[in-house]
Amino acid sequence: QVQLVESGGGLVQVGDSLRLSCAASGLTFSSRAVGWFRQAPGKEREFVATISWSGGNTYYADSVKGRFTISKDNAKNTAYLQMNSLKTEDTAIYYCAARKRSFGANLTSRDDYDYWGQGTQVTVSS
């Protein structure tokens, strides 16, 4: 059974940093692309960042480019989202996602992913 478990969310102030983690079981990140998405209240789930199966390619939404960094540690089977210079508009539930198929890069659509975590809340206060 595949499980993705996010952690690291919380309540922070504008300008602060957070690092989200996504621990996987039942599948290996070393051969799969991983993505982060977020959903704010009353809005659709939107793409945030993705990292290719090899880790050599990353792609970000314009709204987070230069502030967020996606990475993965294949030995720990864990993906991360480092979020710096947080803004109030970053407030959302953050979800990690993984593909069932191996490989893949620059995957920005929700339909590209088969497995999802339960989400972790990030609240940025002014």
PDB file of N, CA and C in Angstrom:
ATOM      1  N   GLN A   1       0.837  -1.187   0.000  1.00  0.00           N
ATOM      2  CA  GLN A   1       0.000   0.000   0.000  1.00  0.00           C
ATOM      3  C   GLN A   1       0.877   1.244   0.000  1.00  0.00           C
ATOM      4  N   VAL A   2       0.572   2.152  -0.899  1.00  0.00           N
ATOM      5  CA  VAL A   2       1.354   3.374  -1.019  1.00  0.00           C
ATOM      6  C   VAL A   2       0.840   4.415  -0.032  1.00  0.00           C
ATOM      7  N   GLN A   3       1.779   5.031   0.665  1.00  0.00           N
ATOM      8  CA  GLN A   3       1.429   6.131   1.568  1.00  0.00           C
ATOM      9  C   GLN A   3       2.414   7.265   1.405  1.00  0.00           C
ATOM     10  N   LEU A   4       1.887   8.471   1.352  1.00  0.00           N
ATOM     11  CA  LEU A   4       2.686   9.685   1.372  1.00  0.00           C
ATOM     12  C   LEU A   4       2.247  10.477   2.599  1.00  0.00           C
ATOM     13  N   VAL A   5       3.201  10.821   3.429  1.00  0.00           N
ATOM     14  CA  VAL A   5       2.868  11.515   4.671  1.00  0.00           C
ATOM     15  C   VAL A   5       3.649  12.825   4.737  1.00  0.00           C
ATOM     16  N   GLU A   6       2.908  13.926   4.685  1.00  0.00           N
ATOM     17  CA  GLU A   6       3.526  15.246   4.788  1.00  0.00           C
ATOM     18  C   GLU A   6       3.656  15.665   6.247  1.00  0.00           C
ATOM     19  N   SER A   7       4.650  16.488   6.498  1.00  0.00           N
ATOM     20  CA  SER A   7       4.835  17.064   7.821  1.00  0.00           C
ATOM     21  C   SER A   7       5.601  18.377   7.670  1.00  0.00           C
ATOM     22  N   GLY A   8       5.635  19.140   8.759  1.00  0.00           N
ATOM     23  CA  GLY A   8       6.421  20.362   8.753  1.00  0.00           C
ATOM     24  C   GLY A   8       5.631  21.644   8.628  1.00  0.00           C
ATOM     25  N   GLY A   9       4.332  21.528   8.429  1.00  0.00           N
ATOM     26  CA  GLY A   9       3.523  22.733   8.344  1.00  0.00           C
ATOM     27  C   GLY A   9       3.385  23.408   9.693  1.00  0.00           C
ATOM     28  N   GLY A  10       2.807  24.594   9.668  1.00  0.00           N
ATOM     29  CA  GLY A  10       2.608  25.313  10.924  1.00  0.00           C
ATOM     30  C   GLY A  10       2.198  26.740  10.699  1.00  0.00           C
ATOM     31  N   LEU A  11       2.177  27.497  11.778  1.00  0.00           N
ATOM     32  CA  LEU A  11       1.826  28.918  11.752  1.00  0.00           C
ATOM     33  C   LEU A  11       3.104  29.738  11.857  1.00  0.00           C
ATOM     34  N   VAL A  12       3.346  30.561  10.859  1.00  0.00           N
ATOM     35  CA  VAL A  12       4.543  31.402  10.845  1.00  0.00           C
ATOM     36  C   VAL A  12       4.151  32.819  10.462  1.00  0.00           C
ATOM     37  N   GLN A  13       5.122  33.719  10.532  1.00  0.00           N
ATOM     38  CA  GLN A  13       4.873  35.101  10.165  1.00  0.00           C
ATOM     39  C   GLN A  13       5.454  35.397   8.782  1.00  0.00           C
ATOM     40  N   VAL A  14       4.986  36.475   8.219  1.00  0.00           N
ATOM     41  CA  VAL A  14       5.495  36.911   6.913  1.00  0.00           C
ATOM     42  C   VAL A  14       7.016  37.033   6.971  1.00  0.00           C
ATOM     43  N   GLY A  15       7.668  36.468   5.957  1.00  0.00           N
ATOM     44  CA  GLY A  15       9.117  36.512   5.878  1.00  0.00           C
ATOM     45  C   GLY A  15       9.823  35.313   6.481  1.00  0.00           C
ATOM     46  N   ASP A  16       9.097  34.511   7.225  1.00  0.00           N
ATOM     47  CA  ASP A  16       9.683  33.322   7.846  1.00  0.00           C
ATOM     48  C   ASP A  16       9.885  32.207   6.827  1.00  0.00           C
ATOM     49  N   SER A  17      10.498  31.127   7.310  1.00  0.00           N
ATOM     50  CA  SER A  17      10.745  29.953   6.471  1.00  0.00           C
ATOM     51  C   SER A  17      10.145  28.707   7.108  1.00  0.00           C
ATOM     52  N   LEU A  18       9.841  27.739   6.269  1.00  0.00           N
ATOM     53  CA  LEU A  18       9.393  26.431   6.706  1.00  0.00           C
ATOM     54  C   LEU A  18       9.944  25.389   5.745  1.00  0.00           C
ATOM     55  N   ARG A  19      10.169  24.188   6.244  1.00  0.00           N
ATOM     56  CA  ARG A  19      10.536  23.090   5.370  1.00  0.00           C
ATOM     57  C   ARG A  19       9.506  21.972   5.547  1.00  0.00           C
ATOM     58  N   LEU A  20       8.833  21.661   4.467  1.00  0.00           N
ATOM     59  CA  LEU A  20       7.892  20.559   4.468  1.00  0.00           C
ATOM     60  C   LEU A  20       8.591  19.277   4.044  1.00  0.00           C
ATOM     61  N   SER A  21       8.154  18.176   4.627  1.00  0.00           N
ATOM     62  CA  SER A  21       8.683  16.866   4.263  1.00  0.00           C
ATOM     63  C   SER A  21       7.552  15.973   3.778  1.00  0.00           C
ATOM     64  N   CYS A  22       7.909  15.047   2.909  1.00  0.00           N
ATOM     65  CA  CYS A  22       6.946  14.070   2.400  1.00  0.00           C
ATOM     66  C   CYS A  22       7.636  12.714   2.414  1.00  0.00           C
ATOM     67  N   ALA A  23       7.246  11.877   3.357  1.00  0.00           N
ATOM     68  CA  ALA A  23       7.837  10.556   3.488  1.00  0.00           C
ATOM     69  C   ALA A  23       6.970   9.534   2.776  1.00  0.00           C
ATOM     70  N   ALA A  24       7.614   8.705   1.954  1.00  0.00           N
ATOM     71  CA  ALA A  24       6.881   7.730   1.157  1.00  0.00           C
ATOM     72  C   ALA A  24       7.124   6.313   1.648  1.00  0.00           C
ATOM     73  N   SER A  25       6.091   5.505   1.537  1.00  0.00           N
ATOM     74  CA  SER A  25       6.210   4.069   1.769  1.00  0.00           C
ATOM     75  C   SER A  25       5.396   3.365   0.686  1.00  0.00           C
ATOM     76  N   GLY A  26       5.864   2.199   0.290  1.00  0.00           N
ATOM     77  CA  GLY A  26       5.160   1.452  -0.736  1.00  0.00           C
ATOM     78  C   GLY A  26       5.557   1.807  -2.163  1.00  0.00           C
ATOM     79  N   LEU A  27       6.406   2.817  -2.318  1.00  0.00           N
ATOM     80  CA  LEU A  27       6.958   3.151  -3.628  1.00  0.00           C
ATOM     81  C   LEU A  27       8.279   3.872  -3.396  1.00  0.00           C
ATOM     82  N   THR A  28       9.088   3.943  -4.429  1.00  0.00           N
ATOM     83  CA  THR A  28      10.407   4.548  -4.281  1.00  0.00           C
ATOM     84  C   THR A  28      10.474   5.854  -5.058  1.00  0.00           C
ATOM     85  N   PHE A  29      10.955   6.885  -4.390  1.00  0.00           N
ATOM     86  CA  PHE A  29      11.104   8.190  -5.018  1.00  0.00           C
ATOM     87  C   PHE A  29      12.274   8.215  -5.999  1.00  0.00           C
ATOM     88  N   SER A  30      13.185   7.290  -5.862  1.00  0.00           N
ATOM     89  CA  SER A  30      14.394   7.350  -6.684  1.00  0.00           C
ATOM     90  C   SER A  30      14.092   7.220  -8.179  1.00  0.00           C
ATOM     91  N   SER A  31      12.970   6.619  -8.525  1.00  0.00           N
ATOM     92  CA  SER A  31      12.647   6.434  -9.937  1.00  0.00           C
ATOM     93  C   SER A  31      11.373   7.162 -10.347  1.00  0.00           C
ATOM     94  N   ARG A  32      10.937   8.109  -9.526  1.00  0.00           N
ATOM     95  CA  ARG A  32       9.674   8.788  -9.804  1.00  0.00           C
ATOM     96  C   ARG A  32       9.769  10.288  -9.615  1.00  0.00           C
ATOM     97  N   ALA A  33       9.016  10.991 -10.449  1.00  0.00           N
ATOM     98  CA  ALA A  33       8.859  12.425 -10.242  1.00  0.00           C
ATOM     99  C   ALA A  33       7.950  12.662  -9.037  1.00  0.00           C
ATOM    100  N   VAL A  34       8.202  13.742  -8.335  1.00  0.00           N
ATOM    101  CA  VAL A  34       7.418  14.118  -7.157  1.00  0.00           C
ATOM    102  C   VAL A  34       6.977  15.566  -7.316  1.00  0.00           C
ATOM    103  N   GLY A  35       5.777  15.850  -6.889  1.00  0.00           N
ATOM    104  CA  GLY A  35       5.271  17.206  -6.990  1.00  0.00           C
ATOM    105  C   GLY A  35       4.702  17.696  -5.668  1.00  0.00           C
ATOM    106  N   TRP A  36       4.658  19.005  -5.520  1.00  0.00           N
ATOM    107  CA  TRP A  36       3.984  19.662  -4.407  1.00  0.00           C
ATOM    108  C   TRP A  36       2.878  20.544  -4.993  1.00  0.00           C
ATOM    109  N   PHE A  37       1.721  20.469  -4.361  1.00  0.00           N
ATOM    110  CA  PHE A  37       0.579  21.288  -4.729  1.00  0.00           C
ATOM    111  C   PHE A  37       0.044  21.947  -3.463  1.00  0.00           C
ATOM    112  N   ARG A  38      -0.809  22.922  -3.628  1.00  0.00           N
ATOM    113  CA  ARG A  38      -1.424  23.559  -2.465  1.00  0.00           C
ATOM    114  C   ARG A  38      -2.851  23.954  -2.793  1.00  0.00           C
ATOM    115  N   GLN A  39      -3.637  24.046  -1.737  1.00  0.00           N
ATOM    116  CA  GLN A  39      -5.029  24.440  -1.894  1.00  0.00           C
ATOM    117  C   GLN A  39      -5.412  25.402  -0.787  1.00  0.00           C
ATOM    118  N   ALA A  40      -5.748  26.605  -1.183  1.00  0.00           N
ATOM    119  CA  ALA A  40      -6.206  27.616  -0.249  1.00  0.00           C
ATOM    120  C   ALA A  40      -7.721  27.527  -0.121  1.00  0.00           C
ATOM    121  N   PRO A  41      -8.286  28.031   0.968  1.00  0.00           N
ATOM    122  CA  PRO A  41      -9.740  27.968   1.162  1.00  0.00           C
ATOM    123  C   PRO A  41     -10.493  28.603  -0.003  1.00  0.00           C
ATOM    124  N   GLY A  42     -11.451  27.865  -0.538  1.00  0.00           N
ATOM    125  CA  GLY A  42     -12.266  28.376  -1.629  1.00  0.00           C
ATOM    126  C   GLY A  42     -11.616  28.371  -2.988  1.00  0.00           C
ATOM    127  N   LYS A  43     -10.415  27.798  -3.059  1.00  0.00           N
ATOM    128  CA  LYS A  43      -9.703  27.774  -4.346  1.00  0.00           C
ATOM    129  C   LYS A  43      -9.398  26.347  -4.761  1.00  0.00           C
ATOM    130  N   GLU A  44      -9.079  26.188  -6.020  1.00  0.00           N
ATOM    131  CA  GLU A  44      -8.697  24.875  -6.511  1.00  0.00           C
ATOM    132  C   GLU A  44      -7.260  24.552  -6.115  1.00  0.00           C
ATOM    133  N   ARG A  45      -6.977  23.265  -6.091  1.00  0.00           N
ATOM    134  CA  ARG A  45      -5.611  22.835  -5.805  1.00  0.00           C
ATOM    135  C   ARG A  45      -4.715  23.255  -6.970  1.00  0.00           C
ATOM    136  N   GLU A  46      -3.594  23.882  -6.637  1.00  0.00           N
ATOM    137  CA  GLU A  46      -2.713  24.405  -7.674  1.00  0.00           C
ATOM    138  C   GLU A  46      -1.305  23.844  -7.538  1.00  0.00           C
ATOM    139  N   PHE A  47      -0.648  23.801  -8.675  1.00  0.00           N
ATOM    140  CA  PHE A  47       0.722  23.324  -8.733  1.00  0.00           C
ATOM    141  C   PHE A  47       1.661  24.293  -8.037  1.00  0.00           C
ATOM    142  N   VAL A  48       2.647  23.743  -7.324  1.00  0.00           N
ATOM    143  CA  VAL A  48       3.664  24.560  -6.670  1.00  0.00           C
ATOM    144  C   VAL A  48       5.052  24.261  -7.230  1.00  0.00           C
ATOM    145  N   ALA A  49       5.438  22.983  -7.212  1.00  0.00           N
ATOM    146  CA  ALA A  49       6.790  22.627  -7.642  1.00  0.00           C
ATOM    147  C   ALA A  49       6.837  21.142  -7.978  1.00  0.00           C
ATOM    148  N   THR A  50       7.807  20.783  -8.825  1.00  0.00           N
ATOM    149  CA  THR A  50       8.014  19.381  -9.142  1.00  0.00           C
ATOM    150  C   THR A  50       9.493  19.113  -9.354  1.00  0.00           C
ATOM    151  N   ILE A  51       9.885  17.890  -9.071  1.00  0.00           N
ATOM    152  CA  ILE A  51      11.253  17.462  -9.279  1.00  0.00           C
ATOM    153  C   ILE A  51      11.205  16.170 -10.090  1.00  0.00           C
ATOM    154  N   SER A  52      12.094  16.065 -11.048  1.00  0.00           N
ATOM    155  CA  SER A  52      12.110  14.901 -11.933  1.00  0.00           C
ATOM    156  C   SER A  52      12.589  13.660 -11.200  1.00  0.00           C
ATOM    157  N   TRP A  53      12.390  12.525 -11.830  1.00  0.00           N
ATOM    158  CA  TRP A  53      12.769  11.264 -11.211  1.00  0.00           C
ATOM    159  C   TRP A  53      14.256  11.242 -10.857  1.00  0.00           C
ATOM    160  N   SER A  54      15.072  11.861 -11.709  1.00  0.00           N
ATOM    161  CA  SER A  54      16.517  11.854 -11.470  1.00  0.00           C
ATOM    162  C   SER A  54      16.942  12.909 -10.465  1.00  0.00           C
ATOM    163  N   GLY A  55      16.041  13.856 -10.214  1.00  0.00           N
ATOM    164  CA  GLY A  55      16.402  14.970  -9.350  1.00  0.00           C
ATOM    165  C   GLY A  55      17.118  16.080 -10.089  1.00  0.00           C
ATOM    166  N   GLY A  56      17.375  15.860 -11.361  1.00  0.00           N
ATOM    167  CA  GLY A  56      18.139  16.827 -12.124  1.00  0.00           C
ATOM    168  C   GLY A  56      17.335  17.979 -12.671  1.00  0.00           C
ATOM    169  N   ASN A  57      16.017  17.842 -12.670  1.00  0.00           N
ATOM    170  CA  ASN A  57      15.157  18.901 -13.188  1.00  0.00           C
ATOM    171  C   ASN A  57      14.137  19.307 -12.138  1.00  0.00           C
ATOM    172  N   THR A  58      13.991  20.595 -11.977  1.00  0.00           N
ATOM    173  CA  THR A  58      12.954  21.129 -11.103  1.00  0.00           C
ATOM    174  C   THR A  58      12.184  22.212 -11.851  1.00  0.00           C
ATOM    175  N   TYR A  59      10.948  22.381 -11.443  1.00  0.00           N
ATOM    176  CA  TYR A  59      10.107  23.379 -12.099  1.00  0.00           C
ATOM    177  C   TYR A  59       9.166  23.947 -11.054  1.00  0.00           C
ATOM    178  N   TYR A  60       8.946  25.271 -11.146  1.00  0.00           N
ATOM    179  CA  TYR A  60       8.168  25.950 -10.103  1.00  0.00           C
ATOM    180  C   TYR A  60       7.067  26.818 -10.708  1.00  0.00           C
ATOM    181  N   ALA A  61       6.031  26.984  -9.932  1.00  0.00           N
ATOM    182  CA  ALA A  61       5.021  27.975 -10.280  1.00  0.00           C
ATOM    183  C   ALA A  61       5.659  29.358 -10.173  1.00  0.00           C
ATOM    184  N   ASP A  62       5.216  30.267 -11.002  1.00  0.00           N
ATOM    185  CA  ASP A  62       5.791  31.615 -10.985  1.00  0.00           C
ATOM    186  C   ASP A  62       5.651  32.270  -9.617  1.00  0.00           C
ATOM    187  N   SER A  63       4.577  31.949  -8.923  1.00  0.00           N
ATOM    188  CA  SER A  63       4.302  32.597  -7.642  1.00  0.00           C
ATOM    189  C   SER A  63       5.298  32.221  -6.550  1.00  0.00           C
ATOM    190  N   VAL A  64       6.030  31.121  -6.731  1.00  0.00           N
ATOM    191  CA  VAL A  64       6.965  30.689  -5.693  1.00  0.00           C
ATOM    192  C   VAL A  64       8.411  30.656  -6.186  1.00  0.00           C
ATOM    193  N   LYS A  65       8.609  30.904  -7.452  1.00  0.00           N
ATOM    194  CA  LYS A  65       9.949  30.823  -8.032  1.00  0.00           C
ATOM    195  C   LYS A  65      10.890  31.793  -7.315  1.00  0.00           C
ATOM    196  N   GLY A  66      12.050  31.282  -6.951  1.00  0.00           N
ATOM    197  CA  GLY A  66      13.031  32.095  -6.244  1.00  0.00           C
ATOM    198  C   GLY A  66      12.873  32.073  -4.731  1.00  0.00           C
ATOM    199  N   ARG A  67      11.739  31.571  -4.250  1.00  0.00           N
ATOM    200  CA  ARG A  67      11.503  31.501  -2.805  1.00  0.00           C
ATOM    201  C   ARG A  67      11.428  30.059  -2.294  1.00  0.00           C
ATOM    202  N   PHE A  68      10.899  29.161  -3.126  1.00  0.00           N
ATOM    203  CA  PHE A  68      10.737  27.766  -2.723  1.00  0.00           C
ATOM    204  C   PHE A  68      11.752  26.889  -3.457  1.00  0.00           C
ATOM    205  N   THR A  69      12.166  25.814  -2.787  1.00  0.00           N
ATOM    206  CA  THR A  69      13.083  24.857  -3.395  1.00  0.00           C
ATOM    207  C   THR A  69      12.595  23.446  -3.108  1.00  0.00           C
ATOM    208  N   ILE A  70      12.437  22.668  -4.164  1.00  0.00           N
ATOM    209  CA  ILE A  70      12.035  21.272  -4.011  1.00  0.00           C
ATOM    210  C   ILE A  70      13.269  20.390  -4.112  1.00  0.00           C
ATOM    211  N   SER A  71      13.296  19.337  -3.325  1.00  0.00           N
ATOM    212  CA  SER A  71      14.405  18.396  -3.368  1.00  0.00           C
ATOM    213  C   SER A  71      13.896  17.038  -2.911  1.00  0.00           C
ATOM    214  N   LYS A  72      14.727  16.033  -3.066  1.00  0.00           N
ATOM    215  CA  LYS A  72      14.378  14.719  -2.533  1.00  0.00           C
ATOM    216  C   LYS A  72      15.639  13.983  -2.139  1.00  0.00           C
ATOM    217  N   ASP A  73      15.491  13.175  -1.101  1.00  0.00           N
ATOM    218  CA  ASP A  73      16.571  12.343  -0.588  1.00  0.00           C
ATOM    219  C   ASP A  73      16.168  10.897  -0.849  1.00  0.00           C
ATOM    220  N   ASN A  74      16.753  10.314  -1.872  1.00  0.00           N
ATOM    221  CA  ASN A  74      16.342   8.973  -2.258  1.00  0.00           C
ATOM    222  C   ASN A  74      16.669   7.939  -1.178  1.00  0.00           C
ATOM    223  N   ALA A  75      17.741   8.154  -0.463  1.00  0.00           N
ATOM    224  CA  ALA A  75      18.112   7.207   0.584  1.00  0.00           C
ATOM    225  C   ALA A  75      17.063   7.174   1.693  1.00  0.00           C
ATOM    226  N   LYS A  76      16.449   8.318   1.940  1.00  0.00           N
ATOM    227  CA  LYS A  76      15.402   8.408   2.970  1.00  0.00           C
ATOM    228  C   LYS A  76      13.999   8.266   2.381  1.00  0.00           C
ATOM    229  N   ASN A  77      13.946   8.192   1.056  1.00  0.00           N
ATOM    230  CA  ASN A  77      12.648   8.096   0.372  1.00  0.00           C
ATOM    231  C   ASN A  77      11.718   9.234   0.794  1.00  0.00           C
ATOM    232  N   THR A  78      12.292  10.412   0.837  1.00  0.00           N
ATOM    233  CA  THR A  78      11.587  11.599   1.336  1.00  0.00           C
ATOM    234  C   THR A  78      11.828  12.774   0.397  1.00  0.00           C
ATOM    235  N   ALA A  79      10.778  13.523   0.147  1.00  0.00           N
ATOM    236  CA  ALA A  79      10.880  14.754  -0.624  1.00  0.00           C
ATOM    237  C   ALA A  79      10.674  15.945   0.303  1.00  0.00           C
ATOM    238  N   TYR A  80      11.213  17.079  -0.117  1.00  0.00           N
ATOM    239  CA  TYR A  80      11.144  18.277   0.720  1.00  0.00           C
ATOM    240  C   TYR A  80      10.688  19.479  -0.110  1.00  0.00           C
ATOM    241  N   LEU A  81      10.131  20.431   0.606  1.00  0.00           N
ATOM    242  CA  LEU A  81       9.827  21.726   0.007  1.00  0.00           C
ATOM    243  C   LEU A  81      10.305  22.784   0.986  1.00  0.00           C
ATOM    244  N   GLN A  82      11.416  23.411   0.664  1.00  0.00           N
ATOM    245  CA  GLN A  82      11.932  24.504   1.476  1.00  0.00           C
ATOM    246  C   GLN A  82      11.251  25.789   1.036  1.00  0.00           C
ATOM    247  N   MET A  83      10.603  26.446   1.975  1.00  0.00           N
ATOM    248  CA  MET A  83       9.844  27.653   1.663  1.00  0.00           C
ATOM    249  C   MET A  83      10.434  28.827   2.436  1.00  0.00           C
ATOM    250  N   ASN A  84      10.962  29.788   1.720  1.00  0.00           N
ATOM    251  CA  ASN A  84      11.556  30.985   2.321  1.00  0.00           C
ATOM    252  C   ASN A  84      10.732  32.219   1.970  1.00  0.00           C
ATOM    253  N   SER A  85      10.947  33.263   2.706  1.00  0.00           N
ATOM    254  CA  SER A  85      10.269  34.554   2.449  1.00  0.00           C
ATOM    255  C   SER A  85       8.770  34.350   2.269  1.00  0.00           C
ATOM    256  N   LEU A  86       8.175  33.668   3.211  1.00  0.00           N
ATOM    257  CA  LEU A  86       6.757  33.332   3.089  1.00  0.00           C
ATOM    258  C   LEU A  86       5.884  34.573   3.114  1.00  0.00           C
ATOM    259  N   LYS A  87       4.802  34.482   2.340  1.00  0.00           N
ATOM    260  CA  LYS A  87       3.837  35.566   2.229  1.00  0.00           C
ATOM    261  C   LYS A  87       2.475  35.076   2.710  1.00  0.00           C
ATOM    262  N   THR A  88       1.593  36.006   3.007  1.00  0.00           N
ATOM    263  CA  THR A  88       0.257  35.601   3.462  1.00  0.00           C
ATOM    264  C   THR A  88      -0.450  34.776   2.388  1.00  0.00           C
ATOM    265  N   GLU A  89      -0.187  35.069   1.135  1.00  0.00           N
ATOM    266  CA  GLU A  89      -0.836  34.336   0.048  1.00  0.00           C
ATOM    267  C   GLU A  89      -0.319  32.912  -0.112  1.00  0.00           C
ATOM    268  N   ASP A  90       0.704  32.539   0.640  1.00  0.00           N
ATOM    269  CA  ASP A  90       1.178  31.156   0.650  1.00  0.00           C
ATOM    270  C   ASP A  90       0.356  30.279   1.591  1.00  0.00           C
ATOM    271  N   THR A  91      -0.536  30.884   2.347  1.00  0.00           N
ATOM    272  CA  THR A  91      -1.378  30.129   3.268  1.00  0.00           C
ATOM    273  C   THR A  91      -2.246  29.136   2.502  1.00  0.00           C
ATOM    274  N   ALA A  92      -2.130  27.853   2.869  1.00  0.00           N
ATOM    275  CA  ALA A  92      -2.853  26.797   2.167  1.00  0.00           C
ATOM    276  C   ALA A  92      -2.534  25.463   2.826  1.00  0.00           C
ATOM    277  N   ILE A  93      -3.256  24.447   2.397  1.00  0.00           N
ATOM    278  CA  ILE A  93      -2.876  23.073   2.715  1.00  0.00           C
ATOM    279  C   ILE A  93      -1.948  22.611   1.595  1.00  0.00           C
ATOM    280  N   TYR A  94      -0.802  22.080   1.983  1.00  0.00           N
ATOM    281  CA  TYR A  94       0.191  21.649   1.015  1.00  0.00           C
ATOM    282  C   TYR A  94       0.178  20.118   0.912  1.00  0.00           C
ATOM    283  N   TYR A  95       0.150  19.652  -0.333  1.00  0.00           N
ATOM    284  CA  TYR A  95       0.098  18.225  -0.601  1.00  0.00           C
ATOM    285  C   TYR A  95       1.294  17.794  -1.440  1.00  0.00           C
ATOM    286  N   CYS A  96       1.857  16.640  -1.114  1.00  0.00           N
ATOM    287  CA  CYS A  96       2.837  16.069  -2.030  1.00  0.00           C
ATOM    288  C   CYS A  96       2.153  14.983  -2.848  1.00  0.00           C
ATOM    289  N   ALA A  97       2.728  14.711  -3.996  1.00  0.00           N
ATOM    290  CA  ALA A  97       2.135  13.753  -4.918  1.00  0.00           C
ATOM    291  C   ALA A  97       3.238  13.007  -5.658  1.00  0.00           C
ATOM    292  N   ALA A  98       2.931  11.786  -6.046  1.00  0.00           N
ATOM    293  CA  ALA A  98       3.899  10.971  -6.776  1.00  0.00           C
ATOM    294  C   ALA A  98       3.192  10.211  -7.896  1.00  0.00           C
ATOM    295  N   ARG A  99       3.968   9.891  -8.908  1.00  0.00           N
ATOM    296  CA  ARG A  99       3.421   9.131 -10.026  1.00  0.00           C
ATOM    297  C   ARG A  99       3.489   7.632  -9.751  1.00  0.00           C
ATOM    298  N   LYS A 100       2.562   6.904 -10.354  1.00  0.00           N
ATOM    299  CA  LYS A 100       2.612   5.451 -10.302  1.00  0.00           C
ATOM    300  C   LYS A 100       3.690   4.957 -11.251  1.00  0.00           C
ATOM    301  N   ARG A 101       3.763   5.593 -12.432  1.00  0.00           N
ATOM    302  CA  ARG A 101       4.777   5.194 -13.400  1.00  0.00           C
ATOM    303  C   ARG A 101       6.123   5.791 -13.024  1.00  0.00           C
ATOM    304  N   SER A 102       7.139   5.105 -13.428  1.00  0.00           N
ATOM    305  CA  SER A 102       8.493   5.592 -13.183  1.00  0.00           C
ATOM    306  C   SER A 102       8.838   6.720 -14.155  1.00  0.00           C
ATOM    307  N   PHE A 103       9.884   7.437 -13.759  1.00  0.00           N
ATOM    308  CA  PHE A 103      10.440   8.522 -14.557  1.00  0.00           C
ATOM    309  C   PHE A 103       9.504   9.721 -14.631  1.00  0.00           C
ATOM    310  N   GLY A 104       9.697  10.600 -15.588  1.00  0.00           N
ATOM    311  CA  GLY A 104       8.868  11.791 -15.708  1.00  0.00           C
ATOM    312  C   GLY A 104       9.603  13.030 -15.245  1.00  0.00           C
ATOM    313  N   ALA A 105       9.253  14.152 -15.873  1.00  0.00           N
ATOM    314  CA  ALA A 105       9.857  15.434 -15.515  1.00  0.00           C
ATOM    315  C   ALA A 105       8.895  16.556 -15.890  1.00  0.00           C
ATOM    316  N   ASN A 106       9.011  17.679 -15.171  1.00  0.00           N
ATOM    317  CA  ASN A 106       8.198  18.871 -15.443  1.00  0.00           C
ATOM    318  C   ASN A 106       6.709  18.564 -15.481  1.00  0.00           C
ATOM    319  N   LEU A 107       6.260  17.836 -14.518  1.00  0.00           N
ATOM    320  CA  LEU A 107       4.857  17.421 -14.446  1.00  0.00           C
ATOM    321  C   LEU A 107       4.108  18.396 -13.557  1.00  0.00           C
ATOM    322  N   THR A 108       3.267  19.224 -14.150  1.00  0.00           N
ATOM    323  CA  THR A 108       2.630  20.313 -13.426  1.00  0.00           C
ATOM    324  C   THR A 108       1.131  20.139 -13.234  1.00  0.00           C
ATOM    325  N   SER A 109       0.549  19.100 -13.814  1.00  0.00           N
ATOM    326  CA  SER A 109      -0.888  18.894 -13.703  1.00  0.00           C
ATOM    327  C   SER A 109      -1.217  17.893 -12.610  1.00  0.00           C
ATOM    328  N   ARG A 110      -2.347  18.119 -11.944  1.00  0.00           N
ATOM    329  CA  ARG A 110      -2.787  17.149 -10.937  1.00  0.00           C
ATOM    330  C   ARG A 110      -2.997  15.769 -11.557  1.00  0.00           C
ATOM    331  N   ASP A 111      -3.384  15.739 -12.796  1.00  0.00           N
ATOM    332  CA  ASP A 111      -3.646  14.472 -13.472  1.00  0.00           C
ATOM    333  C   ASP A 111      -2.378  13.671 -13.748  1.00  0.00           C
ATOM    334  N   ASP A 112      -1.243  14.310 -13.605  1.00  0.00           N
ATOM    335  CA  ASP A 112       0.029  13.605 -13.815  1.00  0.00           C
ATOM    336  C   ASP A 112       0.381  12.696 -12.647  1.00  0.00           C
ATOM    337  N   TYR A 113      -0.310  12.859 -11.537  1.00  0.00           N
ATOM    338  CA  TYR A 113       0.050  12.150 -10.307  1.00  0.00           C
ATOM    339  C   TYR A 113      -1.048  11.195  -9.873  1.00  0.00           C
ATOM    340  N   ASP A 114      -0.607  10.082  -9.299  1.00  0.00           N
ATOM    341  CA  ASP A 114      -1.545   9.040  -8.890  1.00  0.00           C
ATOM    342  C   ASP A 114      -1.721   8.931  -7.381  1.00  0.00           C
ATOM    343  N   TYR A 115      -0.708   9.317  -6.652  1.00  0.00           N
ATOM    344  CA  TYR A 115      -0.743   9.153  -5.206  1.00  0.00           C
ATOM    345  C   TYR A 115      -0.599  10.518  -4.533  1.00  0.00           C
ATOM    346  N   TRP A 116      -1.370  10.706  -3.482  1.00  0.00           N
ATOM    347  CA  TRP A 116      -1.398  11.984  -2.768  1.00  0.00           C
ATOM    348  C   TRP A 116      -1.313  11.761  -1.272  1.00  0.00           C
ATOM    349  N   GLY A 117      -0.671  12.699  -0.611  1.00  0.00           N
ATOM    350  CA  GLY A 117      -0.667  12.687   0.841  1.00  0.00           C
ATOM    351  C   GLY A 117      -1.913  13.348   1.391  1.00  0.00           C
ATOM    352  N   GLN A 118      -2.000  13.388   2.710  1.00  0.00           N
ATOM    353  CA  GLN A 118      -3.188  13.947   3.361  1.00  0.00           C
ATOM    354  C   GLN A 118      -3.106  15.451   3.512  1.00  0.00           C
ATOM    355  N   GLY A 119      -1.933  16.004   3.296  1.00  0.00           N
ATOM    356  CA  GLY A 119      -1.753  17.450   3.356  1.00  0.00           C
ATOM    357  C   GLY A 119      -1.267  17.928   4.708  1.00  0.00           C
ATOM    358  N   THR A 120      -0.599  19.077   4.683  1.00  0.00           N
ATOM    359  CA  THR A 120      -0.156  19.726   5.903  1.00  0.00           C
ATOM    360  C   THR A 120      -0.463  21.218   5.784  1.00  0.00           C
ATOM    361  N   GLN A 121      -1.007  21.782   6.846  1.00  0.00           N
ATOM    362  CA  GLN A 121      -1.462  23.171   6.822  1.00  0.00           C
ATOM    363  C   GLN A 121      -0.298  24.128   7.015  1.00  0.00           C
ATOM    364  N   VAL A 122      -0.224  25.112   6.165  1.00  0.00           N
ATOM    365  CA  VAL A 122       0.728  26.209   6.320  1.00  0.00           C
ATOM    366  C   VAL A 122      -0.075  27.498   6.418  1.00  0.00           C
ATOM    367  N   THR A 123       0.127  28.214   7.495  1.00  0.00           N
ATOM    368  CA  THR A 123      -0.558  29.480   7.703  1.00  0.00           C
ATOM    369  C   THR A 123       0.481  30.566   7.916  1.00  0.00           C
ATOM    370  N   VAL A 124       0.426  31.591   7.096  1.00  0.00           N
ATOM    371  CA  VAL A 124       1.365  32.700   7.193  1.00  0.00           C
ATOM    372  C   VAL A 124       0.599  33.925   7.656  1.00  0.00           C
ATOM    373  N   SER A 125       0.996  34.430   8.805  1.00  0.00           N
ATOM    374  CA  SER A 125       0.298  35.546   9.421  1.00  0.00           C
ATOM    375  C   SER A 125       1.084  36.841   9.259  1.00  0.00           C
ATOM    376  N   SER A 126       0.345  37.920   9.084  1.00  0.00           N
ATOM    377  CA  SER A 126       0.998  39.230   8.994  1.00  0.00           C
ATOM    378  C   SER A 126       1.042  39.906  10.352  1.00  0.00           C
TER     379      SER A 126
END
